[in-house]
């Protein structure tokens, strides 16, 4: 059975877990309205996506 030879230090443990973080959502400012929205998503208030009218609201 494999047994660690030495105790893992706090520093090593934290270095290993440095990538275990929650990434923030990709929020972009709308060009027409100036409001913030998720990028690559249709703006539900105006119905525009990439400068084109997609939804009739």
N, C-alpha and C. Protein backbone atom coordinates (compact mmCIF):
# COMPACT_ATOMS: atom_id res chain seq x y z
N UNK A 1 0.84 -1.18 0.00
CA UNK A 1 0.00 0.00 0.00
C UNK A 1 0.89 1.24 0.00
N UNK A 2 0.56 2.20 -0.86
CA UNK A 2 1.37 3.42 -0.96
C UNK A 2 1.05 4.36 0.19
N UNK A 3 2.09 4.80 0.86
CA UNK A 3 1.94 5.71 1.99
C UNK A 3 2.87 6.90 1.75
N UNK A 4 2.39 8.13 1.94
CA UNK A 4 3.25 9.28 1.74
C UNK A 4 4.42 9.27 2.74
N UNK A 5 5.58 9.64 2.25
CA UNK A 5 6.77 9.64 3.10
C UNK A 5 6.76 10.82 4.06
N UNK A 6 6.25 11.97 3.58
CA UNK A 6 6.21 13.17 4.42
C UNK A 6 4.83 13.81 4.35
N UNK A 7 4.52 14.59 5.37
CA UNK A 7 3.26 15.32 5.40
C UNK A 7 3.28 16.42 4.34
N UNK A 8 2.16 16.58 3.63
CA UNK A 8 2.06 17.65 2.64
C UNK A 8 1.94 18.98 3.37
N UNK A 9 2.84 19.91 3.04
CA UNK A 9 2.84 21.20 3.73
C UNK A 9 1.64 22.03 3.28
N UNK A 10 1.31 23.02 4.09
CA UNK A 10 0.18 23.91 3.78
C UNK A 10 0.45 24.65 2.47
N UNK A 11 1.69 25.05 2.26
CA UNK A 11 2.06 25.77 1.04
C UNK A 11 1.83 24.90 -0.20
N UNK A 12 2.26 23.67 -0.17
CA UNK A 12 2.07 22.77 -1.30
C UNK A 12 0.59 22.50 -1.55
N UNK A 13 -0.17 22.33 -0.46
CA UNK A 13 -1.60 22.07 -0.59
C UNK A 13 -2.30 23.26 -1.23
N UNK A 14 -1.95 24.48 -0.83
CA UNK A 14 -2.57 25.67 -1.41
C UNK A 14 -2.14 25.91 -2.85
N UNK A 15 -0.91 25.55 -3.19
CA UNK A 15 -0.47 25.67 -4.59
C UNK A 15 -1.26 24.73 -5.49
N UNK A 16 -1.53 23.54 -4.99
CA UNK A 16 -2.29 22.57 -5.77
C UNK A 16 -3.72 23.05 -5.99
N UNK A 17 -4.29 23.70 -5.00
CA UNK A 17 -5.68 24.13 -5.08
C UNK A 17 -5.84 25.54 -5.65
N UNK A 18 -4.77 26.13 -6.16
CA UNK A 18 -4.87 27.50 -6.65
C UNK A 18 -5.75 27.63 -7.88
N UNK A 19 -5.99 26.53 -8.59
CA UNK A 19 -6.81 26.57 -9.80
C UNK A 19 -8.27 26.22 -9.51
N UNK A 20 -8.60 25.91 -8.28
CA UNK A 20 -9.97 25.52 -7.93
C UNK A 20 -10.77 26.76 -7.55
N UNK A 21 -10.98 27.63 -8.49
CA UNK A 21 -11.71 28.85 -8.19
C UNK A 21 -12.91 28.97 -9.12
N UNK A 22 -13.86 29.76 -8.73
CA UNK A 22 -15.04 29.98 -9.55
C UNK A 22 -14.75 31.14 -10.49
N UNK A 23 -14.94 30.92 -11.78
CA UNK A 23 -14.68 31.98 -12.74
C UNK A 23 -15.88 32.93 -12.80
N UNK A 24 -15.60 34.20 -13.03
CA UNK A 24 -16.66 35.19 -13.10
C UNK A 24 -17.35 35.12 -14.46
N UNK A 25 -18.64 35.44 -14.53
CA UNK A 25 -19.34 35.39 -15.81
C UNK A 25 -18.82 36.46 -16.76
N UNK A 26 -18.85 36.17 -18.04
CA UNK A 26 -18.35 37.08 -19.05
C UNK A 26 -19.43 38.12 -19.37
N UNK A 27 -19.33 39.28 -18.76
CA UNK A 27 -20.34 40.33 -18.91
C UNK A 27 -19.77 41.42 -19.81
N UNK A 28 -20.58 41.86 -20.79
CA UNK A 28 -20.17 42.90 -21.72
C UNK A 28 -21.22 44.00 -21.74
N UNK A 29 -20.80 45.20 -22.09
CA UNK A 29 -21.73 46.33 -22.17
C UNK A 29 -22.39 46.33 -23.54
N UNK A 30 -23.72 46.50 -23.57
CA UNK A 30 -24.46 46.54 -24.82
C UNK A 30 -24.14 47.84 -25.54
N UNK A 31 -23.91 47.78 -26.87
CA UNK A 31 -23.51 48.96 -27.63
C UNK A 31 -24.64 49.97 -27.75
N UNK A 32 -25.86 49.49 -27.92
CA UNK A 32 -26.99 50.41 -28.14
C UNK A 32 -27.55 50.97 -26.83
N UNK A 33 -27.89 50.07 -25.90
CA UNK A 33 -28.56 50.52 -24.68
C UNK A 33 -27.58 50.91 -23.58
N UNK A 34 -26.35 50.41 -23.63
CA UNK A 34 -25.37 50.71 -22.59
C UNK A 34 -25.51 49.86 -21.35
N UNK A 35 -26.47 48.93 -21.36
CA UNK A 35 -26.66 48.04 -20.21
C UNK A 35 -25.72 46.85 -20.31
N UNK A 36 -25.48 46.22 -19.18
CA UNK A 36 -24.60 45.05 -19.14
C UNK A 36 -25.41 43.79 -19.40
N UNK A 37 -24.83 42.88 -20.21
CA UNK A 37 -25.48 41.61 -20.53
C UNK A 37 -24.42 40.55 -20.70
N UNK A 38 -24.82 39.30 -20.69
CA UNK A 38 -23.88 38.22 -20.94
C UNK A 38 -23.50 38.23 -22.42
N UNK A 39 -22.21 38.12 -22.70
CA UNK A 39 -21.78 38.11 -24.09
C UNK A 39 -22.23 36.81 -24.75
N UNK A 40 -22.45 36.87 -26.05
CA UNK A 40 -22.94 35.76 -26.86
C UNK A 40 -24.34 35.33 -26.45
N UNK A 41 -25.14 36.26 -25.92
CA UNK A 41 -26.53 36.01 -25.57
C UNK A 41 -27.39 37.11 -26.17
N UNK A 42 -28.64 36.79 -26.48
CA UNK A 42 -29.58 37.77 -27.02
C UNK A 42 -29.99 38.70 -25.89
N UNK A 43 -30.04 40.01 -26.20
CA UNK A 43 -30.53 40.99 -25.23
C UNK A 43 -32.04 40.87 -25.19
N UNK A 44 -32.59 40.43 -24.07
CA UNK A 44 -34.02 40.15 -23.98
C UNK A 44 -34.88 41.40 -23.96
N UNK A 45 -34.32 42.56 -23.60
CA UNK A 45 -35.11 43.79 -23.59
C UNK A 45 -35.31 44.34 -24.99
N UNK A 46 -34.25 44.33 -25.81
CA UNK A 46 -34.36 44.89 -27.15
C UNK A 46 -34.55 43.82 -28.22
N UNK A 47 -34.10 42.60 -27.98
CA UNK A 47 -34.23 41.53 -28.95
C UNK A 47 -33.11 41.49 -29.97
N UNK A 48 -32.04 42.22 -29.73
CA UNK A 48 -30.93 42.27 -30.68
C UNK A 48 -29.82 41.30 -30.28
N UNK A 49 -29.14 40.75 -31.29
CA UNK A 49 -27.96 39.93 -31.09
C UNK A 49 -27.00 40.24 -32.22
N UNK A 50 -25.79 40.66 -31.87
CA UNK A 50 -24.76 40.97 -32.85
C UNK A 50 -25.22 42.04 -33.84
N UNK A 51 -25.99 43.01 -33.34
CA UNK A 51 -26.45 44.12 -34.19
C UNK A 51 -27.62 43.80 -35.06
N UNK A 52 -28.22 42.62 -34.94
CA UNK A 52 -29.36 42.24 -35.77
C UNK A 52 -30.55 41.95 -34.89
N UNK A 53 -31.75 42.29 -35.39
CA UNK A 53 -32.99 42.04 -34.66
C UNK A 53 -33.32 40.55 -34.77
N UNK A 54 -33.36 39.87 -33.62
CA UNK A 54 -33.61 38.43 -33.59
C UNK A 54 -35.01 38.14 -33.05
N UNK A 55 -35.37 38.80 -31.95
CA UNK A 55 -36.67 38.56 -31.31
C UNK A 55 -37.60 39.74 -31.52
N UNK A 56 -38.88 39.46 -31.74
CA UNK A 56 -39.88 40.52 -31.80
C UNK A 56 -40.51 40.67 -30.43
N UNK A 57 -40.23 41.79 -29.79
CA UNK A 57 -40.75 42.01 -28.44
C UNK A 57 -41.72 43.18 -28.47
